[in-house]
Amino acid sequence: GRHCRTRGGFFANALRLPLVSRGER
């Protein structure tokens, strides 16, 4: 349900960029 409030796209998720990890936390 948080998906619409997170940032980052396909490439950010595929590369596991720090932005994605912070968003998941």
PDB file of all heavy atoms in Angstrom:
ATOM      1  N   GLY A   1       0.794  -1.215   0.000  1.00  0.00           N
ATOM      2  CA  GLY A   1       0.000   0.000   0.000  1.00  0.00           C
ATOM      3  C   GLY A   1       0.832   1.272   0.000  1.00  0.00           C
ATOM      4  O   GLY A   1       0.306   2.361  -0.282  1.00  0.00           O
ATOM      5  N   ARG A   2       2.120   1.158   0.292  1.00  0.00           N
ATOM      6  CA  ARG A   2       3.002   2.322   0.299  1.00  0.00           C
ATOM      7  C   ARG A   2       3.563   2.631  -1.086  1.00  0.00           C
ATOM      8  O   ARG A   2       4.257   3.638  -1.257  1.00  0.00           O
ATOM      9  CB  ARG A   2       4.194   2.081   1.237  1.00  0.00           C
ATOM     10  CG  ARG A   2       3.854   2.038   2.707  1.00  0.00           C
ATOM     11  CD  ARG A   2       3.451   3.378   3.238  1.00  0.00           C
ATOM     12  NE  ARG A   2       4.436   4.426   2.983  1.00  0.00           N
ATOM     13  CZ  ARG A   2       4.192   5.721   3.133  1.00  0.00           C
ATOM     14  NH1 ARG A   2       3.005   6.128   3.513  1.00  0.00           N
ATOM     15  NH2 ARG A   2       5.137   6.629   2.895  1.00  0.00           N
ATOM     16  N   HIS A   3       3.259   1.795  -2.060  1.00  0.00           N
ATOM     17  CA  HIS A   3       3.891   1.921  -3.372  1.00  0.00           C
ATOM     18  C   HIS A   3       3.729   3.313  -3.964  1.00  0.00           C
ATOM     19  O   HIS A   3       4.672   3.878  -4.535  1.00  0.00           O
ATOM     20  CB  HIS A   3       3.327   0.878  -4.336  1.00  0.00           C
ATOM     21  CG  HIS A   3       3.850   0.990  -5.728  1.00  0.00           C
ATOM     22  ND1 HIS A   3       5.138   0.643  -6.071  1.00  0.00           N
ATOM     23  CD2 HIS A   3       3.262   1.443  -6.875  1.00  0.00           C
ATOM     24  CE1 HIS A   3       5.325   0.870  -7.362  1.00  0.00           C
ATOM     25  NE2 HIS A   3       4.215   1.350  -7.878  1.00  0.00           N
ATOM     26  N   CYS A   4       2.535   3.903  -3.815  1.00  0.00           N
ATOM     27  CA  CYS A   4       2.287   5.210  -4.428  1.00  0.00           C
ATOM     28  C   CYS A   4       3.038   6.330  -3.723  1.00  0.00           C
ATOM     29  O   CYS A   4       3.084   7.463  -4.230  1.00  0.00           O
ATOM     30  CB  CYS A   4       0.787   5.513  -4.448  1.00  0.00           C
ATOM     31  SG  CYS A   4       0.064   5.817  -2.822  1.00  0.00           S
ATOM     32  N   ARG A   5       3.635   6.037  -2.552  1.00  0.00           N
ATOM     33  CA  ARG A   5       4.376   7.063  -1.805  1.00  0.00           C
ATOM     34  C   ARG A   5       5.884   6.844  -1.858  1.00  0.00           C
ATOM     35  O   ARG A   5       6.636   7.554  -1.188  1.00  0.00           O
ATOM     36  CB  ARG A   5       3.934   7.063  -0.335  1.00  0.00           C
ATOM     37  CG  ARG A   5       2.469   7.356  -0.123  1.00  0.00           C
ATOM     38  CD  ARG A   5       2.096   8.737  -0.588  1.00  0.00           C
ATOM     39  NE  ARG A   5       0.671   8.990  -0.467  1.00  0.00           N
ATOM     40  CZ  ARG A   5       0.029   9.945  -1.109  1.00  0.00           C
ATOM     41  NH1 ARG A   5       0.687  10.731  -1.937  1.00  0.00           N
ATOM     42  NH2 ARG A   5      -1.264  10.110  -0.958  1.00  0.00           N
ATOM     43  N   THR A   6       6.339   5.861  -2.629  1.00  0.00           N
ATOM     44  CA  THR A   6       7.765   5.598  -2.717  1.00  0.00           C
ATOM     45  C   THR A   6       8.335   6.187  -3.998  1.00  0.00           C
ATOM     46  O   THR A   6       7.628   6.410  -4.977  1.00  0.00           O
ATOM     47  CB  THR A   6       8.053   4.084  -2.687  1.00  0.00           C
ATOM     48  OG1 THR A   6       7.353   3.452  -3.766  1.00  0.00           O
ATOM     49  CG2 THR A   6       7.607   3.478  -1.368  1.00  0.00           C
ATOM     50  N   ARG A   7       9.636   6.417  -3.994  1.00  0.00           N
ATOM     51  CA  ARG A   7      10.325   6.953  -5.166  1.00  0.00           C
ATOM     52  C   ARG A   7      11.229   5.877  -5.764  1.00  0.00           C
ATOM     53  O   ARG A   7      11.527   4.876  -5.132  1.00  0.00           O
ATOM     54  CB  ARG A   7      11.167   8.170  -4.776  1.00  0.00           C
ATOM     55  CG  ARG A   7      10.329   9.348  -4.261  1.00  0.00           C
ATOM     56  CD  ARG A   7      11.176  10.590  -4.131  1.00  0.00           C
ATOM     57  NE  ARG A   7      12.278  10.388  -3.185  1.00  0.00           N
ATOM     58  CZ  ARG A   7      13.314  11.214  -3.058  1.00  0.00           C
ATOM     59  NH1 ARG A   7      13.402  12.281  -3.852  1.00  0.00           N
ATOM     60  NH2 ARG A   7      14.258  10.978  -2.166  1.00  0.00           N
ATOM     61  N   GLY A   8      11.660   6.140  -6.987  1.00  0.00           N
ATOM     62  CA  GLY A   8      12.533   5.171  -7.660  1.00  0.00           C
ATOM     63  C   GLY A   8      11.764   4.412  -8.716  1.00  0.00           C
ATOM     64  O   GLY A   8      10.601   4.091  -8.542  1.00  0.00           O
ATOM     65  N   GLY A   9      12.420   4.115  -9.808  1.00  0.00           N
ATOM     66  CA  GLY A   9      11.795   3.405 -10.909  1.00  0.00           C
ATOM     67  C   GLY A   9      12.418   2.051 -11.135  1.00  0.00           C
ATOM     68  O   GLY A   9      13.080   1.476 -10.262  1.00  0.00           O
ATOM     69  N   PHE A  10      12.222   1.543 -12.338  1.00  0.00           N
ATOM     70  CA  PHE A  10      12.685   0.194 -12.673  1.00  0.00           C
ATOM     71  C   PHE A  10      14.197   0.048 -12.480  1.00  0.00           C
ATOM     72  O   PHE A  10      14.674  -0.893 -11.855  1.00  0.00           O
ATOM     73  CB  PHE A  10      12.308  -0.135 -14.116  1.00  0.00           C
ATOM     74  CG  PHE A  10      12.883  -1.431 -14.600  1.00  0.00           C
ATOM     75  CD1 PHE A  10      12.305  -2.637 -14.262  1.00  0.00           C
ATOM     76  CD2 PHE A  10      14.037  -1.441 -15.386  1.00  0.00           C
ATOM     77  CE1 PHE A  10      12.849  -3.839 -14.707  1.00  0.00           C
ATOM     78  CE2 PHE A  10      14.581  -2.633 -15.834  1.00  0.00           C
ATOM     79  CZ  PHE A  10      13.988  -3.836 -15.489  1.00  0.00           C
ATOM     80  N   PHE A  11      14.972   0.992 -13.018  1.00  0.00           N
ATOM     81  CA  PHE A  11      16.429   0.867 -12.955  1.00  0.00           C
ATOM     82  C   PHE A  11      16.946   1.023 -11.531  1.00  0.00           C
ATOM     83  O   PHE A  11      17.880   0.323 -11.117  1.00  0.00           O
ATOM     84  CB  PHE A  11      17.084   1.890 -13.886  1.00  0.00           C
ATOM     85  CG  PHE A  11      16.875   1.578 -15.341  1.00  0.00           C
ATOM     86  CD1 PHE A  11      16.009   2.342 -16.109  1.00  0.00           C
ATOM     87  CD2 PHE A  11      17.519   0.498 -15.928  1.00  0.00           C
ATOM     88  CE1 PHE A  11      15.799   2.052 -17.448  1.00  0.00           C
ATOM     89  CE2 PHE A  11      17.320   0.196 -17.277  1.00  0.00           C
ATOM     90  CZ  PHE A  11      16.452   0.980 -18.033  1.00  0.00           C
ATOM     91  N   ALA A  12      16.339   1.935 -10.765  1.00  0.00           N
ATOM     92  CA  ALA A  12      16.761   2.107  -9.377  1.00  0.00           C
ATOM     93  C   ALA A  12      16.536   0.826  -8.584  1.00  0.00           C
ATOM     94  O   ALA A  12      17.376   0.409  -7.784  1.00  0.00           O
ATOM     95  CB  ALA A  12      16.007   3.269  -8.739  1.00  0.00           C
ATOM     96  N   ASN A  13      15.401   0.165  -8.823  1.00  0.00           N
ATOM     97  CA  ASN A  13      15.115  -1.080  -8.121  1.00  0.00           C
ATOM     98  C   ASN A  13      16.025  -2.202  -8.605  1.00  0.00           C
ATOM     99  O   ASN A  13      16.511  -3.013  -7.807  1.00  0.00           O
ATOM    100  CB  ASN A  13      13.643  -1.468  -8.320  1.00  0.00           C
ATOM    101  CG  ASN A  13      12.712  -0.685  -7.419  1.00  0.00           C
ATOM    102  OD1 ASN A  13      12.509  -1.066  -6.275  1.00  0.00           O
ATOM    103  ND2 ASN A  13      12.168   0.405  -7.943  1.00  0.00           N
ATOM    104  N   ALA A  14      16.255  -2.274  -9.917  1.00  0.00           N
ATOM    105  CA  ALA A  14      17.095  -3.334 -10.462  1.00  0.00           C
ATOM    106  C   ALA A  14      18.530  -3.238  -9.951  1.00  0.00           C
ATOM    107  O   ALA A  14      19.189  -4.252  -9.691  1.00  0.00           O
ATOM    108  CB  ALA A  14      17.072  -3.280 -11.988  1.00  0.00           C
ATOM    109  N   LEU A  15      19.016  -2.012  -9.787  1.00  0.00           N
ATOM    110  CA  LEU A  15      20.397  -1.798  -9.342  1.00  0.00           C
ATOM    111  C   LEU A  15      20.520  -1.698  -7.826  1.00  0.00           C
ATOM    112  O   LEU A  15      21.636  -1.571  -7.312  1.00  0.00           O
ATOM    113  CB  LEU A  15      20.949  -0.519  -9.982  1.00  0.00           C
ATOM    114  CG  LEU A  15      21.045  -0.536 -11.510  1.00  0.00           C
ATOM    115  CD1 LEU A  15      21.427   0.843 -12.035  1.00  0.00           C
ATOM    116  CD2 LEU A  15      22.058  -1.586 -11.973  1.00  0.00           C
ATOM    117  N   ARG A  16      19.371  -1.765  -7.137  1.00  0.00           N
ATOM    118  CA  ARG A  16      19.361  -1.682  -5.670  1.00  0.00           C
ATOM    119  C   ARG A  16      20.088  -0.430  -5.195  1.00  0.00           C
ATOM    120  O   ARG A  16      20.962  -0.468  -4.308  1.00  0.00           O
ATOM    121  CB  ARG A  16      19.993  -2.928  -5.042  1.00  0.00           C
ATOM    122  CG  ARG A  16      19.359  -4.237  -5.446  1.00  0.00           C
ATOM    123  CD  ARG A  16      17.895  -4.293  -5.054  1.00  0.00           C
ATOM    124  NE  ARG A  16      17.734  -4.179  -3.603  1.00  0.00           N
ATOM    125  CZ  ARG A  16      16.573  -3.966  -2.990  1.00  0.00           C
ATOM    126  NH1 ARG A  16      15.488  -3.794  -3.705  1.00  0.00           N
ATOM    127  NH2 ARG A  16      16.507  -3.899  -1.684  1.00  0.00           N
ATOM    128  N   LEU A  17      19.760   0.702  -5.770  1.00  0.00           N
ATOM    129  CA  LEU A  17      20.374   1.961  -5.384  1.00  0.00           C
ATOM    130  C   LEU A  17      19.980   2.321  -3.946  1.00  0.00           C
ATOM    131  O   LEU A  17      18.951   1.869  -3.446  1.00  0.00           O
ATOM    132  CB  LEU A  17      19.940   3.067  -6.343  1.00  0.00           C
ATOM    133  CG  LEU A  17      20.378   2.897  -7.806  1.00  0.00           C
ATOM    134  CD1 LEU A  17      19.887   4.065  -8.636  1.00  0.00           C
ATOM    135  CD2 LEU A  17      21.893   2.753  -7.909  1.00  0.00           C
ATOM    136  N   PRO A  18      20.791   3.142  -3.273  1.00  0.00           N
ATOM    137  CA  PRO A  18      20.495   3.520  -1.879  1.00  0.00           C
ATOM    138  C   PRO A  18      19.097   4.099  -1.702  1.00  0.00           C
ATOM    139  O   PRO A  18      18.462   3.894  -0.662  1.00  0.00           O
ATOM    140  CB  PRO A  18      21.584   4.553  -1.571  1.00  0.00           C
ATOM    141  CG  PRO A  18      22.714   4.176  -2.459  1.00  0.00           C
ATOM    142  CD  PRO A  18      22.090   3.668  -3.725  1.00  0.00           C
ATOM    143  N   LEU A  19      18.644   4.837  -2.710  1.00  0.00           N
ATOM    144  CA  LEU A  19      17.304   5.409  -2.652  1.00  0.00           C
ATOM    145  C   LEU A  19      16.254   4.340  -2.408  1.00  0.00           C
ATOM    146  O   LEU A  19      15.319   4.523  -1.621  1.00  0.00           O
ATOM    147  CB  LEU A  19      17.002   6.143  -3.963  1.00  0.00           C
ATOM    148  CG  LEU A  19      15.572   6.664  -4.157  1.00  0.00           C
ATOM    149  CD1 LEU A  19      15.269   7.764  -3.158  1.00  0.00           C
ATOM    150  CD2 LEU A  19      15.387   7.169  -5.581  1.00  0.00           C
ATOM    151  N   VAL A  20      16.406   3.188  -3.067  1.00  0.00           N
ATOM    152  CA  VAL A  20      15.443   2.102  -2.928  1.00  0.00           C
ATOM    153  C   VAL A  20      15.488   1.518  -1.528  1.00  0.00           C
ATOM    154  O   VAL A  20      14.453   1.277  -0.894  1.00  0.00           O
ATOM    155  CB  VAL A  20      15.710   1.008  -3.978  1.00  0.00           C
ATOM    156  CG1 VAL A  20      14.805  -0.199  -3.744  1.00  0.00           C
ATOM    157  CG2 VAL A  20      15.496   1.567  -5.380  1.00  0.00           C
ATOM    158  N   SER A  21      16.679   1.286  -1.008  1.00  0.00           N
ATOM    159  CA  SER A  21      16.816   0.717   0.337  1.00  0.00           C
ATOM    160  C   SER A  21      16.219   1.636   1.394  1.00  0.00           C
ATOM    161  O   SER A  21      15.533   1.182   2.318  1.00  0.00           O
ATOM    162  CB  SER A  21      18.294   0.453   0.649  1.00  0.00           C
ATOM    163  OG  SER A  21      18.825  -0.515  -0.232  1.00  0.00           O
ATOM    164  N   ARG A  22      16.470   2.937   1.256  1.00  0.00           N
ATOM    165  CA  ARG A  22      15.900   3.884   2.218  1.00  0.00           C
ATOM    166  C   ARG A  22      14.381   3.881   2.132  1.00  0.00           C
ATOM    167  O   ARG A  22      13.689   3.945   3.161  1.00  0.00           O
ATOM    168  CB  ARG A  22      16.439   5.292   1.942  1.00  0.00           C
ATOM    169  CG  ARG A  22      17.903   5.488   2.317  1.00  0.00           C
ATOM    170  CD  ARG A  22      18.250   6.961   2.378  1.00  0.00           C
ATOM    171  NE  ARG A  22      18.055   7.642   1.100  1.00  0.00           N
ATOM    172  CZ  ARG A  22      18.995   7.740   0.168  1.00  0.00           C
ATOM    173  NH1 ARG A  22      20.198   7.178   0.366  1.00  0.00           N
ATOM    174  NH2 ARG A  22      18.754   8.378  -0.962  1.00  0.00           N
ATOM    175  N   GLY A  23      13.863   3.802   0.905  1.00  0.00           N
ATOM    176  CA  GLY A  23      12.421   3.775   0.729  1.00  0.00           C
ATOM    177  C   GLY A  23      11.786   2.544   1.346  1.00  0.00           C
ATOM    178  O   GLY A  23      10.713   2.621   1.954  1.00  0.00           O
ATOM    179  N   GLU A  24      12.440   1.398   1.206  1.00  0.00           N
ATOM    180  CA  GLU A  24      11.920   0.160   1.775  1.00  0.00           C
ATOM    181  C   GLU A  24      11.912   0.216   3.295  1.00  0.00           C
ATOM    182  O   GLU A  24      10.966  -0.240   3.945  1.00  0.00           O
ATOM    183  CB  GLU A  24      12.744  -1.030   1.289  1.00  0.00           C
ATOM    184  CG  GLU A  24      12.510  -1.379  -0.176  1.00  0.00           C
ATOM    185  CD  GLU A  24      13.319  -2.575  -0.625  1.00  0.00           C
ATOM    186  OE1 GLU A  24      14.189  -3.022   0.161  1.00  0.00           O
ATOM    187  OE2 GLU A  24      13.093  -3.058  -1.738  1.00  0.00           O
ATOM    188  N   ARG A  25      12.969   0.786   3.874  1.00  0.00           N
ATOM    189  CA  ARG A  25      13.020   0.902   5.335  1.00  0.00           C
ATOM    190  C   ARG A  25      11.918   1.832   5.845  1.00  0.00           C
ATOM    191  O   ARG A  25      11.257   1.544   6.848  1.00  0.00           O
ATOM    192  CB  ARG A  25      14.385   1.412   5.781  1.00  0.00           C
ATOM    193  CG  ARG A  25      15.509   0.387   5.651  1.00  0.00           C
ATOM    194  CD  ARG A  25      16.734   0.821   6.424  1.00  0.00           C
ATOM    195  NE  ARG A  25      17.288   2.075   5.916  1.00  0.00           N
ATOM    196  CZ  ARG A  25      18.208   2.139   4.966  1.00  0.00           C
ATOM    197  NH1 ARG A  25      18.662   1.022   4.407  1.00  0.00           N
ATOM    198  NH2 ARG A  25      18.674   3.312   4.564  1.00  0.00           N
TER     199      ARG A  25
END
